[in-house]
PDB file of N, CA and C in Angstrom:
ATOM      1  N   UNK A   1     -42.156 203.464  24.346  1.00  0.00           N
ATOM      2  CA  UNK A   1     -42.622 203.341  25.701  1.00  0.00           C
ATOM      3  C   UNK A   1     -42.356 201.920  26.198  1.00  0.00           C
ATOM      4  N   UNK A   2     -42.181 201.816  27.467  1.00  0.00           N
ATOM      5  CA  UNK A   2     -41.901 200.506  28.069  1.00  0.00           C
ATOM      6  C   UNK A   2     -43.177 199.692  28.206  1.00  0.00           C
ATOM      7  N   UNK A   3     -42.987 198.407  28.302  1.00  0.00           N
ATOM      8  CA  UNK A   3     -44.132 197.511  28.506  1.00  0.00           C
ATOM      9  C   UNK A   3     -44.556 197.607  29.969  1.00  0.00           C
ATOM     10  N   UNK A   4     -45.848 197.776  30.190  1.00  0.00           N
ATOM     11  CA  UNK A   4     -46.382 197.926  31.542  1.00  0.00           C
ATOM     12  C   UNK A   4     -46.880 196.563  32.003  1.00  0.00           C
ATOM     13  N   UNK A   5     -46.345 196.141  33.156  1.00  0.00           N
ATOM     14  CA  UNK A   5     -46.690 194.784  33.644  1.00  0.00           C
ATOM     15  C   UNK A   5     -47.397 194.791  34.988  1.00  0.00           C
ATOM     16  N   UNK A   6     -47.524 195.947  35.609  1.00  0.00           N
ATOM     17  CA  UNK A   6     -48.166 195.983  36.919  1.00  0.00           C
ATOM     18  C   UNK A   6     -49.208 197.099  36.966  1.00  0.00           C
ATOM     19  N   UNK A   7     -50.075 197.011  37.939  1.00  0.00           N
ATOM     20  CA  UNK A   7     -51.120 198.013  38.129  1.00  0.00           C
ATOM     21  C   UNK A   7     -50.487 199.361  38.498  1.00  0.00           C
ATOM     22  N   UNK A   8     -49.468 199.349  39.310  1.00  0.00           N
ATOM     23  CA  UNK A   8     -48.788 200.569  39.712  1.00  0.00           C
ATOM     24  C   UNK A   8     -48.138 201.236  38.500  1.00  0.00           C
ATOM     25  N   UNK A   9     -47.524 200.437  37.656  1.00  0.00           N
ATOM     26  CA  UNK A   9     -46.918 200.962  36.441  1.00  0.00           C
ATOM     27  C   UNK A   9     -47.959 201.569  35.520  1.00  0.00           C
ATOM     28  N   UNK A  10     -49.115 200.927  35.449  1.00  0.00           N
ATOM     29  CA  UNK A  10     -50.211 201.434  34.624  1.00  0.00           C
ATOM     30  C   UNK A  10     -50.717 202.764  35.170  1.00  0.00           C
ATOM     31  N   UNK A  11     -50.888 202.860  36.484  1.00  0.00           N
ATOM     32  CA  UNK A  11     -51.348 204.107  37.107  1.00  0.00           C
ATOM     33  C   UNK A  11     -50.336 205.230  36.871  1.00  0.00           C
ATOM     34  N   UNK A  12     -49.061 204.924  36.994  1.00  0.00           N
ATOM     35  CA  UNK A  12     -48.026 205.933  36.752  1.00  0.00           C
ATOM     36  C   UNK A  12     -48.038 206.401  35.297  1.00  0.00           C
ATOM     37  N   UNK A  13     -48.212 205.474  34.367  1.00  0.00           N
ATOM     38  CA  UNK A  13     -48.256 205.827  32.946  1.00  0.00           C
ATOM     39  C   UNK A  13     -49.470 206.694  32.645  1.00  0.00           C
ATOM     40  N   UNK A  14     -50.600 206.360  33.272  1.00  0.00           N
ATOM     41  CA  UNK A  14     -51.823 207.153  33.079  1.00  0.00           C
ATOM     42  C   UNK A  14     -51.624 208.556  33.629  1.00  0.00           C
ATOM     43  N   UNK A  15     -51.033 208.688  34.811  1.00  0.00           N
ATOM     44  CA  UNK A  15     -50.777 210.006  35.402  1.00  0.00           C
ATOM     45  C   UNK A  15     -49.836 210.829  34.528  1.00  0.00           C
ATOM     46  N   UNK A  16     -48.825 210.179  33.998  1.00  0.00           N
ATOM     47  CA  UNK A  16     -47.880 210.865  33.121  1.00  0.00           C
ATOM     48  C   UNK A  16     -48.593 211.375  31.861  1.00  0.00           C
ATOM     49  N   UNK A  17     -49.410 210.524  31.260  1.00  0.00           N
ATOM     50  CA  UNK A  17     -50.138 210.934  30.062  1.00  0.00           C
ATOM     51  C   UNK A  17     -51.145 212.041  30.360  1.00  0.00           C
ATOM     52  N   UNK A  18     -51.797 211.968  31.510  1.00  0.00           N
ATOM     53  CA  UNK A  18     -52.744 213.021  31.893  1.00  0.00           C
ATOM     54  C   UNK A  18     -52.041 214.347  32.124  1.00  0.00           C
ATOM     55  N   UNK A  19     -50.860 214.327  32.733  1.00  0.00           N
ATOM     56  CA  UNK A  19     -50.130 215.582  32.959  1.00  0.00           C
ATOM     57  C   UNK A  19     -49.642 216.151  31.621  1.00  0.00           C
ATOM     58  N   UNK A  20     -49.189 215.299  30.708  1.00  0.00           N
ATOM     59  CA  UNK A  20     -48.798 215.771  29.378  1.00  0.00           C
ATOM     60  C   UNK A  20     -49.987 216.368  28.635  1.00  0.00           C
ATOM     61  N   UNK A  21     -51.131 215.718  28.778  1.00  0.00           N
ATOM     62  CA  UNK A  21     -52.347 216.214  28.120  1.00  0.00           C
ATOM     63  C   UNK A  21     -52.745 217.575  28.691  1.00  0.00           C
ATOM     64  N   UNK A  22     -52.617 217.772  29.978  1.00  0.00           N
ATOM     65  CA  UNK A  22     -52.948 219.050  30.608  1.00  0.00           C
ATOM     66  C   UNK A  22     -52.003 220.151  30.135  1.00  0.00           C
ATOM     67  N   UNK A  23     -50.730 219.833  30.041  1.00  0.00           N
ATOM     68  CA  UNK A  23     -49.751 220.814  29.547  1.00  0.00           C
ATOM     69  C   UNK A  23     -50.082 221.192  28.111  1.00  0.00           C
ATOM     70  N   UNK A  24     -50.358 220.202  27.278  1.00  0.00           N
ATOM     71  CA  UNK A  24     -50.698 220.475  25.879  1.00  0.00           C
ATOM     72  C   UNK A  24     -51.991 221.286  25.759  1.00  0.00           C
ATOM     73  N   UNK A  25     -52.955 221.010  26.628  1.00  0.00           N
ATOM     74  CA  UNK A  25     -54.212 221.765  26.620  1.00  0.00           C
ATOM     75  C   UNK A  25     -53.962 223.224  26.968  1.00  0.00           C
ATOM     76  N   UNK A  26     -53.110 223.480  27.966  1.00  0.00           N
ATOM     77  CA  UNK A  26     -52.788 224.860  28.337  1.00  0.00           C
ATOM     78  C   UNK A  26     -52.057 225.588  27.213  1.00  0.00           C
ATOM     79  N   UNK A  27     -51.107 224.902  26.580  1.00  0.00           N
ATOM     80  CA  UNK A  27     -50.377 225.516  25.466  1.00  0.00           C
ATOM     81  C   UNK A  27     -51.314 225.834  24.304  1.00  0.00           C
ATOM     82  N   UNK A  28     -52.224 224.924  24.007  1.00  0.00           N
ATOM     83  CA  UNK A  28     -53.190 225.139  22.928  1.00  0.00           C
ATOM     84  C   UNK A  28     -54.116 226.310  23.259  1.00  0.00           C
ATOM     85  N   UNK A  29     -54.539 226.396  24.510  1.00  0.00           N
ATOM     86  CA  UNK A  29     -55.397 227.490  24.945  1.00  0.00           C
ATOM     87  C   UNK A  29     -54.673 228.836  24.820  1.00  0.00           C
ATOM     88  N   UNK A  30     -53.412 228.885  25.213  1.00  0.00           N
ATOM     89  CA  UNK A  30     -52.620 230.113  25.089  1.00  0.00           C
ATOM     90  C   UNK A  30     -52.455 230.514  23.629  1.00  0.00           C
ATOM     91  N   UNK A  31     -52.165 229.533  22.777  1.00  0.00           N
ATOM     92  CA  UNK A  31     -51.990 229.826  21.353  1.00  0.00           C
ATOM     93  C   UNK A  31     -53.300 230.300  20.728  1.00  0.00           C
ATOM     94  N   UNK A  32     -54.415 229.704  21.135  1.00  0.00           N
ATOM     95  CA  UNK A  32     -55.714 230.137  20.646  1.00  0.00           C
ATOM     96  C   UNK A  32     -55.978 231.581  21.048  1.00  0.00           C
ATOM     97  N   UNK A  33     -55.659 231.944  22.287  1.00  0.00           N
ATOM     98  CA  UNK A  33     -55.868 233.306  22.760  1.00  0.00           C
ATOM     99  C   UNK A  33     -55.000 234.287  21.980  1.00  0.00           C
ATOM    100  N   UNK A  34     -53.736 233.924  21.743  1.00  0.00           N
ATOM    101  CA  UNK A  34     -52.837 234.789  20.971  1.00  0.00           C
ATOM    102  C   UNK A  34     -53.373 234.994  19.564  1.00  0.00           C
ATOM    103  N   UNK A  35     -53.829 233.915  18.941  1.00  0.00           N
ATOM    104  CA  UNK A  35     -54.387 234.012  17.592  1.00  0.00           C
ATOM    105  C   UNK A  35     -55.653 234.854  17.589  1.00  0.00           C
ATOM    106  N   UNK A  36     -56.507 234.661  18.572  1.00  0.00           N
ATOM    107  CA  UNK A  36     -57.742 235.434  18.679  1.00  0.00           C
ATOM    108  C   UNK A  36     -57.442 236.925  18.814  1.00  0.00           C
ATOM    109  N   UNK A  37     -56.481 237.264  19.664  1.00  0.00           N
ATOM    110  CA  UNK A  37     -56.121 238.666  19.865  1.00  0.00           C
ATOM    111  C   UNK A  37     -55.506 239.276  18.601  1.00  0.00           C
ATOM    112  N   UNK A  38     -54.704 238.497  17.898  1.00  0.00           N
ATOM    113  CA  UNK A  38     -54.040 239.041  16.711  1.00  0.00           C
ATOM    114  C   UNK A  38     -54.999 239.220  15.541  1.00  0.00           C
ATOM    115  N   UNK A  39     -56.132 238.536  15.564  1.00  0.00           N
ATOM    116  CA  UNK A  39     -57.094 238.656  14.469  1.00  0.00           C
ATOM    117  C   UNK A  39     -58.191 239.684  14.731  1.00  0.00           C
ATOM    118  N   UNK A  40     -58.147 240.346  15.866  1.00  0.00           N
ATOM    119  CA  UNK A  40     -59.101 241.421  16.119  1.00  0.00           C
ATOM    120  C   UNK A  40     -58.812 242.559  15.142  1.00  0.00           C
ATOM    121  N   UNK A  41     -59.847 243.247  14.680  1.00  0.00           N
ATOM    122  CA  UNK A  41     -59.624 244.327  13.703  1.00  0.00           C
ATOM    123  C   UNK A  41     -58.629 245.385  14.171  1.00  0.00           C
ATOM    124  N   UNK A  42     -58.685 245.774  15.428  1.00  0.00           N
ATOM    125  CA  UNK A  42     -57.766 246.808  15.911  1.00  0.00           C
ATOM    126  C   UNK A  42     -56.326 246.297  15.894  1.00  0.00           C
ATOM    127  N   UNK A  43     -56.134 245.014  16.204  1.00  0.00           N
ATOM    128  CA  UNK A  43     -54.796 244.438  16.168  1.00  0.00           C
ATOM    129  C   UNK A  43     -54.276 244.360  14.738  1.00  0.00           C
ATOM    130  N   UNK A  44     -55.154 244.006  13.811  1.00  0.00           N
ATOM    131  CA  UNK A  44     -54.761 243.960  12.401  1.00  0.00           C
ATOM    132  C   UNK A  44     -54.367 245.350  11.915  1.00  0.00           C
ATOM    133  N   UNK A  45     -55.139 246.351  12.330  1.00  0.00           N
ATOM    134  CA  UNK A  45     -54.844 247.729  11.929  1.00  0.00           C
ATOM    135  C   UNK A  45     -53.511 248.194  12.505  1.00  0.00           C
ATOM    136  N   UNK A  46     -53.279 247.909  13.784  1.00  0.00           N
ATOM    137  CA  UNK A  46     -52.010 248.287  14.414  1.00  0.00           C
ATOM    138  C   UNK A  46     -50.840 247.599  13.714  1.00  0.00           C
ATOM    139  N   UNK A  47     -51.009 246.336  13.399  1.00  0.00           N
ATOM    140  CA  UNK A  47     -49.951 245.586  12.723  1.00  0.00           C
ATOM    141  C   UNK A  47     -49.662 246.175  11.349  1.00  0.00           C
ATOM    142  N   UNK A  48     -50.712 246.523  10.620  1.00  0.00           N
ATOM    143  CA  UNK A  48     -50.523 247.109   9.292  1.00  0.00           C
ATOM    144  C   UNK A  48     -49.819 248.455   9.388  1.00  0.00           C
ATOM    145  N   UNK A  49     -50.193 249.272  10.367  1.00  0.00           N
ATOM    146  CA  UNK A  49     -49.559 250.580  10.545  1.00  0.00           C
ATOM    147  C   UNK A  49     -48.090 250.411  10.914  1.00  0.00           C
ATOM    148  N   UNK A  50     -47.788 249.459  11.786  1.00  0.00           N
ATOM    149  CA  UNK A  50     -46.390 249.210  12.154  1.00  0.00           C
ATOM    150  C   UNK A  50     -45.583 248.737  10.955  1.00  0.00           C
ATOM    151  N   UNK A  51     -46.181 247.870  10.135  1.00  0.00           N
ATOM    152  CA  UNK A  51     -45.478 247.391   8.938  1.00  0.00           C
ATOM    153  C   UNK A  51     -45.209 248.535   7.973  1.00  0.00           C
ATOM    154  N   UNK A  52     -46.200 249.389   7.794  1.00  0.00           N
ATOM    155  CA  UNK A  52     -46.046 250.503   6.860  1.00  0.00           C
ATOM    156  C   UNK A  52     -45.014 251.502   7.371  1.00  0.00           C
ATOM    157  N   UNK A  53     -45.100 251.820   8.654  1.00  0.00           N
ATOM    158  CA  UNK A  53     -44.190 252.837   9.194  1.00  0.00           C
ATOM    159  C   UNK A  53     -42.753 252.346   9.286  1.00  0.00           C
ATOM    160  N   UNK A  54     -42.550 251.043   9.337  1.00  0.00           N
ATOM    161  CA  UNK A  54     -41.181 250.524   9.400  1.00  0.00           C
ATOM    162  C   UNK A  54     -40.612 250.255   8.011  1.00  0.00           C
ATOM    163  N   UNK A  55     -41.389 250.524   6.983  1.00  0.00           N
ATOM    164  CA  UNK A  55     -40.932 250.304   5.614  1.00  0.00           C
ATOM    165  C   UNK A  55     -39.854 251.313   5.240  1.00  0.00           C
ATOM    166  N   UNK A  56     -38.728 250.850   4.690  1.00  0.00           N
ATOM    167  CA  UNK A  56     -37.662 251.787   4.314  1.00  0.00           C
ATOM    168  C   UNK A  56     -38.056 252.674   3.129  1.00  0.00           C
ATOM    169  N   UNK A  57     -39.043 252.259   2.375  1.00  0.00           N
ATOM    170  CA  UNK A  57     -39.453 253.024   1.207  1.00  0.00           C
ATOM    171  C   UNK A  57     -40.465 254.113   1.559  1.00  0.00           C
ATOM    172  N   UNK A  58     -41.010 254.086   2.758  1.00  0.00           N
ATOM    173  CA  UNK A  58     -42.031 255.053   3.146  1.00  0.00           C
ATOM    174  C   UNK A  58     -41.490 256.477   3.125  1.00  0.00           C
ATOM    175  N   UNK A  59     -40.304 256.684   3.656  1.00  0.00           N
ATOM    176  CA  UNK A  59     -39.721 258.029   3.700  1.00  0.00           C
ATOM    177  C   UNK A  59     -39.518 258.552   2.278  1.00  0.00           C
ATOM    178  N   UNK A  60     -38.998 257.698   1.396  1.00  0.00           N
ATOM    179  CA  UNK A  60     -38.801 258.112   0.009  1.00  0.00           C
ATOM    180  C   UNK A  60     -40.131 258.450  -0.654  1.00  0.00           C
ATOM    181  N   UNK A  61     -41.135 257.608  -0.415  1.00  0.00           N
ATOM    182  CA  UNK A  61     -42.445 257.840  -1.029  1.00  0.00           C
ATOM    183  C   UNK A  61     -43.087 259.122  -0.506  1.00  0.00           C
ATOM    184  N   UNK A  62     -43.000 259.338   0.803  1.00  0.00           N
ATOM    185  CA  UNK A  62     -43.603 260.537   1.379  1.00  0.00           C
ATOM    186  C   UNK A  62     -42.895 261.800   0.907  1.00  0.00           C
ATOM    187  N   UNK A  63     -41.569 261.742   0.885  1.00  0.00           N
ATOM    188  CA  UNK A  63     -40.845 262.941   0.452  1.00  0.00           C
ATOM    189  C   UNK A  63     -41.103 263.209  -1.024  1.00  0.00           C
ATOM    190  N   UNK A  64     -41.186 262.172  -1.826  1.00  0.00           N
ATOM    191  CA  UNK A  64     -41.494 262.349  -3.247  1.00  0.00           C
ATOM    192  C   UNK A  64     -42.881 262.917  -3.460  1.00  0.00           C
ATOM    193  N   UNK A  65     -43.828 262.448  -2.692  1.00  0.00           N
ATOM    194  CA  UNK A  65     -45.192 262.960  -2.786  1.00  0.00           C
ATOM    195  C   UNK A  65     -45.264 264.407  -2.326  1.00  0.00           C
ATOM    196  N   UNK A  66     -44.590 264.710  -1.227  1.00  0.00           N
ATOM    197  CA  UNK A  66     -44.589 266.087  -0.716  1.00  0.00           C
ATOM    198  C   UNK A  66     -43.960 267.036  -1.728  1.00  0.00           C
ATOM    199  N   UNK A  67     -42.880 266.609  -2.341  1.00  0.00           N
ATOM    200  CA  UNK A  67     -42.240 267.454  -3.353  1.00  0.00           C
ATOM    201  C   UNK A  67     -43.159 267.621  -4.548  1.00  0.00           C
ATOM    202  N   UNK A  68     -43.828 266.542  -4.919  1.00  0.00           N
ATOM    203  CA  UNK A  68     -44.758 266.623  -6.046  1.00  0.00           C
ATOM    204  C   UNK A  68     -45.904 267.586  -5.775  1.00  0.00           C
ATOM    205  N   UNK A  69     -46.446 267.534  -4.564  1.00  0.00           N
ATOM    206  CA  UNK A  69     -47.537 268.444  -4.210  1.00  0.00           C
ATOM    207  C   UNK A  69     -47.041 269.883  -4.108  1.00  0.00           C
ATOM    208  N   UNK A  70     -45.882 270.047  -3.504  1.00  0.00           N
ATOM    209  CA  UNK A  70     -45.348 271.395  -3.322  1.00  0.00           C
ATOM    210  C   UNK A  70     -44.924 272.015  -4.643  1.00  0.00           C
ATOM    211  N   UNK A  71     -44.580 271.194  -5.605  1.00  0.00           N
ATOM    212  CA  UNK A  71     -44.094 271.741  -6.869  1.00  0.00           C
ATOM    213  C   UNK A  71     -45.160 272.561  -7.593  1.00  0.00           C
ATOM    214  N   UNK A  72     -46.399 272.298  -7.329  1.00  0.00           N
ATOM    215  CA  UNK A  72     -47.471 273.083  -7.931  1.00  0.00           C
ATOM    216  C   UNK A  72     -47.578 274.468  -7.326  1.00  0.00           C
ATOM    217  N   UNK A  73     -46.994 274.653  -6.159  1.00  0.00           N
ATOM    218  CA  UNK A  73     -47.089 275.929  -5.460  1.00  0.00           C
ATOM    219  C   UNK A  73     -45.761 276.676  -5.396  1.00  0.00           C
ATOM    220  N   UNK A  74     -44.782 276.235  -6.144  1.00  0.00           N
ATOM    221  CA  UNK A  74     -43.460 276.861  -6.071  1.00  0.00           C
ATOM    222  C   UNK A  74     -43.471 278.272  -6.656  1.00  0.00           C
ATOM    223  N   UNK A  75     -42.921 279.173  -5.888  1.00  0.00           N
ATOM    224  CA  UNK A  75     -42.756 280.533  -6.373  1.00  0.00           C
ATOM    225  C   UNK A  75     -41.328 281.025  -6.162  1.00  0.00           C
ATOM    226  N   UNK A  76     -40.544 280.277  -5.381  1.00  0.00           N
ATOM    227  CA  UNK A  76     -39.176 280.655  -5.091  1.00  0.00           C
ATOM    228  C   UNK A  76     -38.234 279.533  -5.512  1.00  0.00           C
ATOM    229  N   UNK A  77     -36.975 279.910  -5.626  1.00  0.00           N
ATOM    230  CA  UNK A  77     -35.944 278.950  -5.997  1.00  0.00           C
ATOM    231  C   UNK A  77     -35.849 277.865  -4.928  1.00  0.00           C
ATOM    232  N   UNK A  78     -35.710 276.610  -5.362  1.00  0.00           N
ATOM    233  CA  UNK A  78     -35.677 275.477  -4.445  1.00  0.00           C
ATOM    234  C   UNK A  78     -34.570 274.524  -4.882  1.00  0.00           C
ATOM    235  N   UNK A  79     -33.801 274.043  -3.908  1.00  0.00           N
ATOM    236  CA  UNK A  79     -32.761 273.054  -4.192  1.00  0.00           C
ATOM    237  C   UNK A  79     -33.130 271.782  -3.439  1.00  0.00           C
ATOM    238  N   UNK A  80     -33.234 270.677  -4.178  1.00  0.00           N
ATOM    239  CA  UNK A  80     -33.594 269.387  -3.588  1.00  0.00           C
ATOM    240  C   UNK A  80     -32.402 268.453  -3.740  1.00  0.00           C
ATOM    241  N   UNK A  81     -31.998 267.809  -2.632  1.00  0.00           N
ATOM    242  CA  UNK A  81     -30.857 266.894  -2.660  1.00  0.00           C
ATOM    243  C   UNK A  81     -31.266 265.525  -2.147  1.00  0.00           C
ATOM    244  N   UNK A  82     -30.641 264.492  -2.718  1.00  0.00           N
ATOM    245  CA  UNK A  82     -30.802 263.106  -2.268  1.00  0.00           C
ATOM    246  C   UNK A  82     -32.259 262.680  -2.149  1.00  0.00           C
ATOM    247  N   UNK A  83     -33.036 262.930  -3.156  1.00  0.00           N
ATOM    248  CA  UNK A  83     -34.448 262.568  -3.115  1.00  0.00           C
ATOM    249  C   UNK A  83     -34.903 262.170  -4.513  1.00  0.00           C
ATOM    250  N   UNK A  84     -35.741 261.162  -4.581  1.00  0.00           N
ATOM    251  CA  UNK A  84     -36.309 260.770  -5.857  1.00  0.00           C
ATOM    252  C   UNK A  84     -37.505 261.675  -6.145  1.00  0.00           C
ATOM    253  N   UNK A  85     -37.567 262.203  -7.350  1.00  0.00           N
ATOM    254  CA  UNK A  85     -38.683 263.065  -7.718  1.00  0.00           C
ATOM    255  C   UNK A  85     -39.279 262.591  -9.022  1.00  0.00           C
ATOM    256  N   UNK A  86     -40.528 262.910  -9.220  1.00  0.00           N
ATOM    257  CA  UNK A  86     -41.173 262.562 -10.479  1.00  0.00           C
ATOM    258  C   UNK A  86     -40.745 263.542 -11.559  1.00  0.00           C
ATOM    259  N   UNK A  87     -41.047 263.182 -12.781  1.00  0.00           N
ATOM    260  CA  UNK A  87     -40.669 264.035 -13.907  1.00  0.00           C
ATOM    261  C   UNK A  87     -41.362 265.391 -13.811  1.00  0.00           C
ATOM    262  N   UNK A  88     -42.646 265.395 -13.458  1.00  0.00           N
ATOM    263  CA  UNK A  88     -43.375 266.665 -13.364  1.00  0.00           C
ATOM    264  C   UNK A  88     -42.869 267.517 -12.216  1.00  0.00           C
ATOM    265  N   UNK A  89     -42.514 266.873 -11.090  1.00  0.00           N
ATOM    266  CA  UNK A  89     -41.968 267.625  -9.954  1.00  0.00           C
ATOM    267  C   UNK A  89     -40.631 268.247 -10.342  1.00  0.00           C
ATOM    268  N   UNK A  90     -39.814 267.479 -11.031  1.00  0.00           N
ATOM    269  CA  UNK A  90     -38.511 267.987 -11.465  1.00  0.00           C
ATOM    270  C   UNK A  90     -38.690 269.185 -12.389  1.00  0.00           C
ATOM    271  N   UNK A  91     -39.617 269.084 -13.327  1.00  0.00           N
ATOM    272  CA  UNK A  91     -39.872 270.184 -14.259  1.00  0.00           C
ATOM    273  C   UNK A  91     -40.356 271.427 -13.520  1.00  0.00           C
ATOM    274  N   UNK A  92     -41.250 271.243 -12.544  1.00  0.00           N
ATOM    275  CA  UNK A  92     -41.775 272.391 -11.801  1.00  0.00           C
ATOM    276  C   UNK A  92     -40.690 273.063 -10.975  1.00  0.00           C
ATOM    277  N   UNK A  93     -39.829 272.251 -10.364  1.00  0.00           N
ATOM    278  CA  UNK A  93     -38.747 272.819  -9.568  1.00  0.00           C
ATOM    279  C   UNK A  93     -37.795 273.614 -10.441  1.00  0.00           C
ATOM    280  N   UNK A  94     -37.439 273.035 -11.564  1.00  0.00           N
ATOM    281  CA  UNK A  94     -36.526 273.718 -12.473  1.00  0.00           C
ATOM    282  C   UNK A  94     -37.166 274.953 -13.104  1.00  0.00           C
ATOM    283  N   UNK A  95     -38.478 274.883 -13.358  1.00  0.00           N
ATOM    284  CA  UNK A  95     -39.207 276.028 -13.916  1.00  0.00           C
ATOM    285  C   UNK A  95     -39.199 277.206 -12.954  1.00  0.00           C
ATOM    286  N   UNK A  96     -39.244 276.895 -11.641  1.00  0.00           N
ATOM    287  CA  UNK A  96     -39.225 277.953 -10.631  1.00  0.00           C
ATOM    288  C   UNK A  96     -37.811 278.441 -10.352  1.00  0.00           C
ATOM    289  N   UNK A  97     -36.806 277.890 -11.057  1.00  0.00           N
ATOM    290  CA  UNK A  97     -35.426 278.322 -10.856  1.00  0.00           C
ATOM    291  C   UNK A  97     -34.651 277.462  -9.901  1.00  0.00           C
ATOM    292  N   UNK A  98     -35.261 276.375  -9.438  1.00  0.00           N
ATOM    293  CA  UNK A  98     -34.575 275.485  -8.501  1.00  0.00           C
ATOM    294  C   UNK A  98     -33.779 274.418  -9.225  1.00  0.00           C
ATOM    295  N   UNK A  99     -33.204 273.516  -8.438  1.00  0.00           N
ATOM    296  CA  UNK A  99     -32.424 272.449  -9.033  1.00  0.00           C
ATOM    297  C   UNK A  99     -32.528 271.192  -8.167  1.00  0.00           C
ATOM    298  N   UNK A 100     -32.223 270.067  -8.806  1.00  0.00           N
ATOM    299  CA  UNK A 100     -32.226 268.772  -8.098  1.00  0.00           C
ATOM    300  C   UNK A 100     -30.828 268.197  -8.183  1.00  0.00           C
ATOM    301  N   UNK A 101     -30.250 267.880  -7.031  1.00  0.00           N
ATOM    302  CA  UNK A 101     -28.889 267.342  -6.987  1.00  0.00           C
ATOM    303  C   UNK A 101     -28.923 265.898  -6.562  1.00  0.00           C
TER     304      UNK A 101
END
């Protein structure tokens, strides 16, 4: 910063610092509001659901679970392709005459 040698220069420097302080106060207030909103329980829940639903492994996990549950009820031949299955699901599918490709 420059050396201030006059009253006018001092007043200008004070005004500049006050305007910077006001801008910083507004930015801090906005950031506080954003943080407050993001920490609300409903926001945390929405964020967690979005993270889970955008997970690339979710589809594999759900399909594997569905196949595992359905394998206990198999009565007809079933062909499963491009899916990860558990050992018990694989056995149940094959026991019912199905196959996994």
